[in-house]
Structure formats: structure tokens, C-alpha cells
N, C-alpha and C. Protein backbone atom coordinates (compact mmCIF):
# COMPACT_ATOMS: atom_id res chain seq x y z
N MET A 1 72.29 137.54 139.48
CA MET A 1 73.71 137.55 139.17
C MET A 1 74.47 136.49 139.98
N LYS A 2 74.02 136.28 141.25
CA LYS A 2 74.68 135.29 142.08
C LYS A 2 74.51 133.89 141.49
N LYS A 3 73.33 133.62 140.91
CA LYS A 3 73.09 132.30 140.31
C LYS A 3 74.00 132.09 139.10
N VAL A 4 74.17 133.12 138.29
CA VAL A 4 75.02 133.02 137.11
C VAL A 4 76.47 132.78 137.52
N THR A 5 76.91 133.55 138.52
CA THR A 5 78.28 133.37 139.02
C THR A 5 78.46 131.97 139.58
N PHE A 6 77.51 131.49 140.38
CA PHE A 6 77.57 130.15 140.96
C PHE A 6 77.64 129.10 139.85
N LEU A 7 76.77 129.21 138.84
CA LEU A 7 76.76 128.25 137.73
C LEU A 7 78.07 128.29 136.95
N PHE A 8 78.62 129.49 136.75
CA PHE A 8 79.88 129.64 136.04
C PHE A 8 81.01 128.95 136.81
N VAL A 9 81.12 129.23 138.11
CA VAL A 9 82.17 128.62 138.94
C VAL A 9 81.97 127.11 139.02
N PHE A 10 80.73 126.68 139.20
CA PHE A 10 80.42 125.25 139.27
C PHE A 10 80.81 124.54 137.96
N SER A 11 80.52 125.17 136.82
CA SER A 11 80.88 124.60 135.52
C SER A 11 82.38 124.47 135.36
N ILE A 12 83.11 125.49 135.78
CA ILE A 12 84.57 125.43 135.69
C ILE A 12 85.12 124.32 136.58
N LEU A 13 84.61 124.19 137.79
CA LEU A 13 85.07 123.13 138.69
C LEU A 13 84.77 121.75 138.11
N CYS A 14 83.59 121.58 137.55
CA CYS A 14 83.23 120.28 136.93
C CYS A 14 84.14 119.98 135.75
N ALA A 15 84.38 120.95 134.89
CA ALA A 15 85.24 120.75 133.73
C ALA A 15 86.66 120.41 134.16
N THR A 16 87.15 121.08 135.20
CA THR A 16 88.49 120.79 135.71
C THR A 16 88.57 119.37 136.26
N GLN A 17 87.54 118.95 136.98
CA GLN A 17 87.51 117.59 137.53
C GLN A 17 87.47 116.55 136.42
N ILE A 18 86.65 116.77 135.41
CA ILE A 18 86.56 115.83 134.29
C ILE A 18 87.89 115.77 133.55
N ASN A 19 88.53 116.91 133.34
CA ASN A 19 89.83 116.94 132.67
C ASN A 19 90.88 116.21 133.49
N ALA A 20 90.83 116.35 134.81
CA ALA A 20 91.81 115.69 135.68
C ALA A 20 91.64 114.18 135.63
N GLN A 21 90.41 113.71 135.39
CA GLN A 21 90.17 112.27 135.34
C GLN A 21 90.59 111.66 134.01
N LYS A 22 90.84 112.47 132.99
CA LYS A 22 91.27 111.96 131.69
C LYS A 22 92.76 111.65 131.75
N THR A 23 93.12 110.52 132.27
CA THR A 23 94.51 110.12 132.31
C THR A 23 94.77 109.14 131.18
N THR A 24 96.00 109.07 130.76
CA THR A 24 96.37 108.16 129.71
C THR A 24 96.40 106.74 130.24
N LYS A 25 95.76 105.84 129.53
CA LYS A 25 95.79 104.44 129.91
C LYS A 25 97.22 103.93 129.75
N PRO A 26 97.70 103.11 130.70
CA PRO A 26 99.06 102.60 130.56
C PRO A 26 99.20 101.60 129.42
N LEU A 27 98.11 100.94 129.04
CA LEU A 27 98.17 99.93 127.98
C LEU A 27 97.00 100.12 127.03
N LYS A 28 97.30 100.30 125.76
CA LYS A 28 96.27 100.41 124.73
C LYS A 28 96.42 99.23 123.78
N ILE A 29 95.30 98.75 123.29
CA ILE A 29 95.31 97.68 122.29
C ILE A 29 94.92 98.31 120.97
N GLY A 30 95.63 97.96 119.92
CA GLY A 30 95.36 98.54 118.62
C GLY A 30 95.13 97.49 117.56
N LEU A 31 94.30 97.83 116.59
CA LEU A 31 94.07 97.01 115.40
C LEU A 31 94.30 97.90 114.19
N GLY A 32 94.93 97.34 113.17
CA GLY A 32 95.18 98.14 112.00
C GLY A 32 95.35 97.31 110.75
N THR A 33 95.43 98.02 109.64
CA THR A 33 95.70 97.39 108.36
C THR A 33 96.46 98.37 107.49
N SER A 34 97.15 97.82 106.52
CA SER A 34 97.88 98.66 105.59
C SER A 34 96.93 99.14 104.50
N LEU A 35 96.97 100.43 104.22
CA LEU A 35 96.09 100.99 103.20
C LEU A 35 96.61 100.72 101.80
N PHE A 36 97.91 100.74 101.64
CA PHE A 36 98.54 100.49 100.35
C PHE A 36 99.64 99.47 100.56
N ASN A 37 99.69 98.47 99.72
CA ASN A 37 100.70 97.43 99.87
C ASN A 37 101.92 97.77 99.02
N LEU A 38 102.72 98.67 99.51
CA LEU A 38 103.92 99.08 98.79
C LEU A 38 105.06 98.17 99.20
N ASN A 39 105.40 97.23 98.36
CA ASN A 39 106.48 96.27 98.59
C ASN A 39 106.22 95.33 99.76
N GLU A 40 105.00 95.28 100.29
CA GLU A 40 104.77 94.39 101.42
C GLU A 40 104.77 92.92 101.02
N SER A 41 104.51 92.63 99.76
CA SER A 41 104.47 91.23 99.34
C SER A 41 105.88 90.66 99.23
N PHE A 42 106.87 91.48 99.27
CA PHE A 42 108.27 91.09 99.18
C PHE A 42 108.48 90.08 98.05
N ASN A 43 108.16 90.52 96.85
CA ASN A 43 108.26 89.67 95.65
C ASN A 43 107.44 88.40 95.79
N ASN A 44 106.37 88.45 96.54
CA ASN A 44 105.49 87.30 96.79
C ASN A 44 106.22 86.15 97.47
N LEU A 45 107.39 86.40 98.02
CA LEU A 45 108.12 85.35 98.72
C LEU A 45 107.78 85.30 100.20
N PHE A 46 107.48 86.47 100.79
CA PHE A 46 107.22 86.46 102.22
C PHE A 46 105.73 86.50 102.54
N PHE A 47 105.01 87.49 102.05
CA PHE A 47 103.59 87.58 102.36
C PHE A 47 102.73 86.85 101.34
N TYR A 48 103.31 86.39 100.25
CA TYR A 48 102.66 85.56 99.23
C TYR A 48 101.67 86.27 98.34
N ASN A 49 101.06 87.33 98.75
CA ASN A 49 100.00 87.94 97.95
C ASN A 49 99.92 89.41 98.26
N ASN A 50 98.98 90.05 97.65
CA ASN A 50 98.79 91.48 97.89
C ASN A 50 97.66 91.76 98.86
N SER A 51 97.26 90.79 99.66
CA SER A 51 96.25 91.05 100.68
C SER A 51 96.87 91.91 101.78
N SER A 52 96.03 92.68 102.42
CA SER A 52 96.53 93.57 103.47
C SER A 52 96.77 92.81 104.76
N PRO A 53 97.92 93.01 105.36
CA PRO A 53 98.18 92.37 106.65
C PRO A 53 97.35 93.01 107.76
N ILE A 54 97.15 92.27 108.84
CA ILE A 54 96.42 92.76 110.01
C ILE A 54 97.46 93.06 111.10
N PHE A 55 97.41 94.26 111.64
CA PHE A 55 98.32 94.69 112.69
C PHE A 55 97.59 94.62 114.03
N VAL A 56 98.15 93.91 115.00
CA VAL A 56 97.61 93.82 116.36
C VAL A 56 98.69 94.39 117.29
N SER A 57 98.35 95.47 118.00
CA SER A 57 99.35 96.21 118.77
C SER A 57 99.03 96.25 120.26
N LEU A 58 100.07 96.26 121.06
CA LEU A 58 100.00 96.59 122.48
C LEU A 58 100.89 97.81 122.67
N PHE A 59 100.28 98.93 123.02
CA PHE A 59 100.98 100.20 123.14
C PHE A 59 101.11 100.50 124.62
N TYR A 60 102.33 100.46 125.16
CA TYR A 60 102.57 100.60 126.59
C TYR A 60 103.07 102.00 126.92
N LYS A 61 102.30 102.71 127.75
CA LYS A 61 102.64 104.05 128.24
C LYS A 61 103.03 105.02 127.12
N GLU A 62 102.50 104.78 125.94
CA GLU A 62 102.74 105.62 124.77
C GLU A 62 104.23 105.83 124.51
N LYS A 63 105.05 104.85 124.91
CA LYS A 63 106.49 104.93 124.68
C LYS A 63 107.01 103.74 123.89
N ILE A 64 106.34 102.61 123.99
CA ILE A 64 106.80 101.41 123.31
C ILE A 64 105.59 100.63 122.80
N ARG A 65 105.70 100.12 121.59
CA ARG A 65 104.60 99.35 121.01
C ARG A 65 105.13 97.98 120.59
N PHE A 66 104.44 96.94 121.04
CA PHE A 66 104.72 95.58 120.62
C PHE A 66 103.64 95.23 119.59
N GLU A 67 104.07 94.78 118.42
CA GLU A 67 103.09 94.59 117.34
C GLU A 67 103.29 93.25 116.66
N THR A 68 102.17 92.60 116.40
CA THR A 68 102.15 91.36 115.63
C THR A 68 101.45 91.67 114.30
N ILE A 69 102.06 91.22 113.22
CA ILE A 69 101.49 91.44 111.90
C ILE A 69 101.18 90.07 111.30
N LEU A 70 99.92 89.86 110.97
CA LEU A 70 99.47 88.57 110.46
C LEU A 70 99.00 88.71 109.01
N ASN A 71 99.30 87.70 108.22
CA ASN A 71 98.84 87.67 106.84
C ASN A 71 98.56 86.22 106.49
N MET A 72 97.39 85.96 105.89
CA MET A 72 97.03 84.58 105.57
C MET A 72 96.27 84.52 104.26
N SER A 73 96.51 83.48 103.51
CA SER A 73 95.79 83.22 102.27
C SER A 73 95.35 81.76 102.26
N ILE A 74 94.15 81.53 101.79
CA ILE A 74 93.68 80.16 101.57
C ILE A 74 93.45 80.04 100.07
N LEU A 75 94.17 79.14 99.46
CA LEU A 75 94.14 78.98 98.01
C LEU A 75 93.35 77.73 97.64
N ASP A 76 92.42 77.89 96.75
CA ASP A 76 91.64 76.77 96.22
C ASP A 76 92.30 76.34 94.92
N THR A 77 92.78 75.12 94.87
CA THR A 77 93.44 74.62 93.65
C THR A 77 92.42 73.87 92.80
N PRO A 78 92.00 74.45 91.68
CA PRO A 78 91.00 73.81 90.83
C PRO A 78 91.47 72.45 90.30
N GLY A 79 90.56 71.52 90.29
CA GLY A 79 90.87 70.19 89.78
C GLY A 79 91.52 69.27 90.79
N GLU A 80 92.06 69.81 91.86
CA GLU A 80 92.73 68.98 92.86
C GLU A 80 91.89 68.79 94.11
N ASN A 81 90.77 69.52 94.22
CA ASN A 81 89.93 69.48 95.41
C ASN A 81 90.76 69.63 96.68
N LEU A 82 91.62 70.61 96.66
CA LEU A 82 92.55 70.80 97.76
C LEU A 82 92.61 72.28 98.12
N LEU A 83 92.53 72.57 99.40
CA LEU A 83 92.73 73.93 99.89
C LEU A 83 94.13 74.02 100.48
N LYS A 84 94.88 75.02 100.06
CA LYS A 84 96.21 75.25 100.61
C LYS A 84 96.17 76.55 101.40
N SER A 85 96.78 76.55 102.53
CA SER A 85 96.86 77.79 103.30
C SER A 85 98.31 78.21 103.40
N LYS A 86 98.52 79.50 103.25
CA LYS A 86 99.84 80.08 103.38
C LYS A 86 99.71 81.31 104.26
N GLY A 87 100.72 81.61 105.00
CA GLY A 87 100.63 82.77 105.85
C GLY A 87 101.97 83.18 106.41
N SER A 88 101.93 84.27 107.16
CA SER A 88 103.14 84.77 107.79
C SER A 88 102.78 85.46 109.09
N ILE A 89 103.75 85.51 109.96
CA ILE A 89 103.62 86.26 111.21
C ILE A 89 104.90 87.06 111.41
N THR A 90 104.74 88.30 111.79
CA THR A 90 105.88 89.18 112.03
C THR A 90 105.69 89.84 113.40
N LEU A 91 106.74 89.88 114.18
CA LEU A 91 106.72 90.51 115.50
C LEU A 91 107.63 91.72 115.47
N GLY A 92 107.13 92.85 115.98
CA GLY A 92 107.92 94.07 115.98
C GLY A 92 107.87 94.80 117.31
N VAL A 93 108.87 95.61 117.54
CA VAL A 93 108.94 96.47 118.72
C VAL A 93 109.28 97.87 118.22
N ASP A 94 108.46 98.85 118.60
CA ASP A 94 108.67 100.24 118.19
C ASP A 94 108.89 101.12 119.42
N LEU A 95 109.91 101.95 119.36
CA LEU A 95 110.16 102.96 120.39
C LEU A 95 109.67 104.30 119.86
N PHE A 96 109.04 105.11 120.72
CA PHE A 96 108.38 106.34 120.29
C PHE A 96 109.06 107.58 120.82
N LYS A 97 109.08 108.61 119.98
CA LYS A 97 109.49 109.96 120.36
C LYS A 97 108.33 110.87 119.98
N HIS A 98 107.68 111.47 120.98
CA HIS A 98 106.51 112.32 120.74
C HIS A 98 106.95 113.73 120.34
N ILE A 99 106.44 114.19 119.22
CA ILE A 99 106.73 115.53 118.74
C ILE A 99 105.75 116.53 119.37
N ASN A 100 104.46 116.16 119.37
CA ASN A 100 103.42 116.93 120.05
C ASN A 100 102.28 115.97 120.39
N ASP A 101 101.12 116.48 120.76
CA ASP A 101 100.01 115.62 121.17
C ASP A 101 99.51 114.70 120.07
N LYS A 102 99.70 115.07 118.82
CA LYS A 102 99.14 114.31 117.71
C LYS A 102 100.17 113.58 116.87
N VAL A 103 101.43 113.95 116.95
CA VAL A 103 102.45 113.41 116.05
C VAL A 103 103.57 112.75 116.85
N SER A 104 103.95 111.55 116.39
CA SER A 104 105.06 110.81 117.00
C SER A 104 105.93 110.21 115.90
N ILE A 105 107.19 110.06 116.22
CA ILE A 105 108.12 109.34 115.35
C ILE A 105 108.47 108.04 116.08
N TYR A 106 108.53 106.95 115.33
CA TYR A 106 108.88 105.67 115.95
C TYR A 106 109.89 104.92 115.08
N TYR A 107 110.60 103.99 115.71
CA TYR A 107 111.60 103.18 115.00
C TYR A 107 111.76 101.86 115.74
N GLY A 108 112.27 100.87 115.04
CA GLY A 108 112.51 99.59 115.68
C GLY A 108 112.71 98.46 114.70
N PRO A 109 112.88 97.25 115.25
CA PRO A 109 113.09 96.06 114.42
C PRO A 109 111.81 95.22 114.31
N LYS A 110 111.80 94.36 113.31
CA LYS A 110 110.76 93.34 113.16
C LYS A 110 111.44 92.04 112.75
N VAL A 111 110.85 90.94 113.19
CA VAL A 111 111.32 89.61 112.79
C VAL A 111 110.09 88.82 112.39
N GLY A 112 110.17 88.14 111.23
CA GLY A 112 109.01 87.40 110.75
C GLY A 112 109.37 86.02 110.25
N TYR A 113 108.32 85.21 110.13
CA TYR A 113 108.47 83.83 109.65
C TYR A 113 107.23 83.49 108.84
N ASN A 114 107.39 82.74 107.75
CA ASN A 114 106.23 82.37 106.97
C ASN A 114 106.15 80.86 106.75
N SER A 115 105.06 80.43 106.13
CA SER A 115 104.83 79.00 105.95
C SER A 115 105.75 78.38 104.90
N ASN A 116 106.51 79.20 104.20
CA ASN A 116 107.52 78.72 103.26
C ASN A 116 108.87 78.58 103.96
N GLN A 117 108.88 78.76 105.27
CA GLN A 117 110.06 78.68 106.12
C GLN A 117 111.10 79.74 105.78
N SER A 118 110.63 80.90 105.35
CA SER A 118 111.50 82.04 105.13
C SER A 118 111.50 82.90 106.39
N THR A 119 112.62 83.54 106.65
CA THR A 119 112.75 84.42 107.80
C THR A 119 112.95 85.85 107.32
N LEU A 120 112.26 86.79 107.95
CA LEU A 120 112.35 88.20 107.60
C LEU A 120 112.95 88.96 108.77
N ILE A 121 113.92 89.80 108.49
CA ILE A 121 114.49 90.72 109.47
C ILE A 121 114.31 92.12 108.90
N ASN A 122 113.73 93.03 109.68
CA ASN A 122 113.39 94.36 109.20
C ASN A 122 113.84 95.40 110.21
N THR A 123 114.29 96.52 109.72
CA THR A 123 114.51 97.70 110.53
C THR A 123 113.77 98.85 109.85
N HIS A 124 113.12 99.69 110.63
CA HIS A 124 112.23 100.69 110.04
C HIS A 124 112.15 101.94 110.91
N ILE A 125 111.63 103.00 110.29
CA ILE A 125 111.31 104.24 110.98
C ILE A 125 109.99 104.73 110.40
N GLY A 126 109.19 105.37 111.25
CA GLY A 126 107.89 105.82 110.78
C GLY A 126 107.40 107.02 111.57
N GLY A 127 106.34 107.61 111.07
CA GLY A 127 105.68 108.70 111.75
C GLY A 127 104.21 108.37 111.90
N GLU A 128 103.64 108.66 113.07
CA GLU A 128 102.23 108.36 113.33
C GLU A 128 101.51 109.65 113.70
N TYR A 129 100.34 109.84 113.08
CA TYR A 129 99.53 111.04 113.31
C TYR A 129 98.16 110.61 113.81
N PHE A 130 97.77 111.07 115.01
CA PHE A 130 96.44 110.79 115.57
C PHE A 130 95.50 111.87 115.06
N PHE A 131 94.65 111.50 114.10
CA PHE A 131 93.80 112.50 113.46
C PHE A 131 92.43 112.61 114.09
N TYR A 132 91.96 111.60 114.83
CA TYR A 132 90.65 111.69 115.47
C TYR A 132 90.59 110.69 116.62
N ARG A 133 90.49 111.19 117.82
CA ARG A 133 90.40 110.38 119.04
C ARG A 133 91.37 109.21 119.01
N SER A 134 90.88 107.99 118.81
CA SER A 134 91.73 106.79 118.86
C SER A 134 92.20 106.33 117.49
N TRP A 135 91.98 107.12 116.45
CA TRP A 135 92.38 106.76 115.09
C TRP A 135 93.72 107.39 114.74
N SER A 136 94.58 106.61 114.09
CA SER A 136 95.85 107.16 113.64
C SER A 136 96.17 106.64 112.24
N VAL A 137 97.01 107.39 111.57
CA VAL A 137 97.55 106.96 110.29
C VAL A 137 99.06 107.13 110.39
N SER A 138 99.79 106.16 109.86
CA SER A 138 101.24 106.26 109.92
C SER A 138 101.86 105.88 108.59
N ASN A 139 103.04 106.39 108.37
CA ASN A 139 103.84 106.04 107.20
C ASN A 139 105.13 105.44 107.72
N GLU A 140 105.51 104.32 107.16
CA GLU A 140 106.67 103.58 107.66
C GLU A 140 107.56 103.21 106.48
N VAL A 141 108.85 103.42 106.62
CA VAL A 141 109.82 103.02 105.61
C VAL A 141 110.92 102.21 106.29
N GLY A 142 111.52 101.29 105.55
CA GLY A 142 112.57 100.49 106.15
C GLY A 142 113.26 99.58 105.16
N PHE A 143 114.05 98.68 105.72
CA PHE A 143 114.79 97.69 104.95
C PHE A 143 114.37 96.30 105.40
N ASN A 144 114.10 95.43 104.44
CA ASN A 144 113.82 94.02 104.70
C ASN A 144 115.02 93.19 104.28
N TYR A 145 115.35 92.23 105.11
CA TYR A 145 116.36 91.23 104.76
C TYR A 145 115.66 89.89 104.89
N LEU A 146 115.54 89.17 103.77
CA LEU A 146 114.83 87.90 103.73
C LEU A 146 115.83 86.77 103.61
N ILE A 147 115.75 85.83 104.53
CA ILE A 147 116.62 84.66 104.52
C ILE A 147 115.80 83.48 104.03
N ASP A 148 116.17 82.98 102.87
CA ASP A 148 115.43 81.91 102.21
C ASP A 148 116.47 81.02 101.54
N PHE A 149 116.11 80.37 100.45
CA PHE A 149 117.10 79.63 99.69
C PHE A 149 118.11 80.59 99.06
N GLN A 150 117.72 81.86 98.97
CA GLN A 150 118.61 82.95 98.61
C GLN A 150 118.38 84.07 99.61
N ASN A 151 119.32 84.98 99.71
CA ASN A 151 119.15 86.12 100.61
C ASN A 151 118.79 87.35 99.79
N TYR A 152 117.81 88.14 100.30
CA TYR A 152 117.33 89.32 99.60
C TYR A 152 117.42 90.52 100.54
N LEU A 153 117.71 91.67 99.98
CA LEU A 153 117.64 92.94 100.69
C LEU A 153 116.75 93.85 99.87
N GLN A 154 115.76 94.47 100.51
CA GLN A 154 114.80 95.29 99.78
C GLN A 154 114.31 96.41 100.68
N THR A 155 114.00 97.56 100.04
CA THR A 155 113.35 98.64 100.77
C THR A 155 111.87 98.32 100.90
N THR A 156 111.22 98.88 101.90
CA THR A 156 109.79 98.66 102.12
C THR A 156 109.15 99.94 102.61
N SER A 157 107.88 100.11 102.30
CA SER A 157 107.14 101.26 102.82
C SER A 157 105.68 100.87 102.98
N SER A 158 105.02 101.47 103.95
CA SER A 158 103.62 101.16 104.23
C SER A 158 102.91 102.41 104.72
N VAL A 159 101.63 102.49 104.42
CA VAL A 159 100.73 103.47 105.01
C VAL A 159 99.73 102.66 105.83
N ILE A 160 99.68 102.89 107.15
CA ILE A 160 98.93 102.03 108.06
C ILE A 160 97.87 102.84 108.79
N LEU A 161 96.67 102.32 108.81
CA LEU A 161 95.56 102.92 109.57
C LEU A 161 95.35 102.06 110.81
N ARG A 162 95.34 102.70 112.00
CA ARG A 162 95.17 101.97 113.26
C ARG A 162 94.04 102.58 114.10
N PHE A 163 93.41 101.72 114.90
CA PHE A 163 92.44 102.14 115.89
C PHE A 163 92.89 101.58 117.23
N TYR A 164 92.97 102.44 118.26
CA TYR A 164 93.38 102.01 119.60
C TYR A 164 92.20 101.98 120.55
N PHE A 165 92.09 100.91 121.34
CA PHE A 165 91.03 100.74 122.34
C PHE A 165 91.50 101.29 123.66
């Protein structure tokens, strides 16, 4: 009985120590992509195509996320023997409000620029759900304002899958 009690107490102490060592990293790096391109092409004026953008995130103390969104296309023009590349980059900052351990609400602005010299200004709100360890899925809705040869205002929405390191 003494051995069982000793093993039980020892197991609890070990589990407590391991749990105490599980601290949140102050900086997480994330990679993601949009699962569905709902209005992300912005009438093909900003992102140019329906390819999924790549999200690269720096998540600081689980309170603020700095995110770069990249999109690129290489077009082969038949008969001209010419490759054209088009792309865009968008920078965003998200502030987080944690609802519980798995669910957060975030909001913030984004500013983007593309190879057609168009400028994008976005404001958005979203919800992120951590469904398995470092994996999350989020839904984001917002407004895009595109400054080009004409000005456009459009709603936008995205479903984004992310993995954090």
C-alpha cells in the first residue's frame, strides 16, 4: 500500500510540475490560408485571381497579431513568350479579446498594395476557434476600400485556417 501511495503522490507531483512548465510563448509564428475566397479577389482588381492568399502571422502574448497576407500569380501569355507576374501584399494588425481557452474575437485594420498600384484599406472583425493544439479556424468579415483609378467600397468575408508554431 505504501508503494501505491508513493507512486500516486509522485505522479501528482510530476503532473503538477509538467503543467507548471507549460507557459504560453510570448511570440507565436503562424501560417495560414483562406479556405473559401469569398470576395477576396475584390472584382479581380486587388488580388487579381481566385488563388488563396498566404497568411504569415506574428502573434504576441495572445493579445495582438501582426499579419502579412501575400498573393501572387505568374501568367503565361501564349504567343508572346512572356511571363507576367502580378501580386499583392497586405499588412494587418488584430487586437484580441479572449472569450475562453479556445475562442477569441479579434478586430483591426489592414492596408494593402498590389502590382497594379492599387491601395486597399480594410477594417474587419473576426472570431478564431482553436480546435486542436496549434490549429485554428477563423471567420472574418469587414469592409474594403480600394483606391485605384476609381474608388470602391465592398464587403468582404473569409474563412481562414491557421497553424501556429
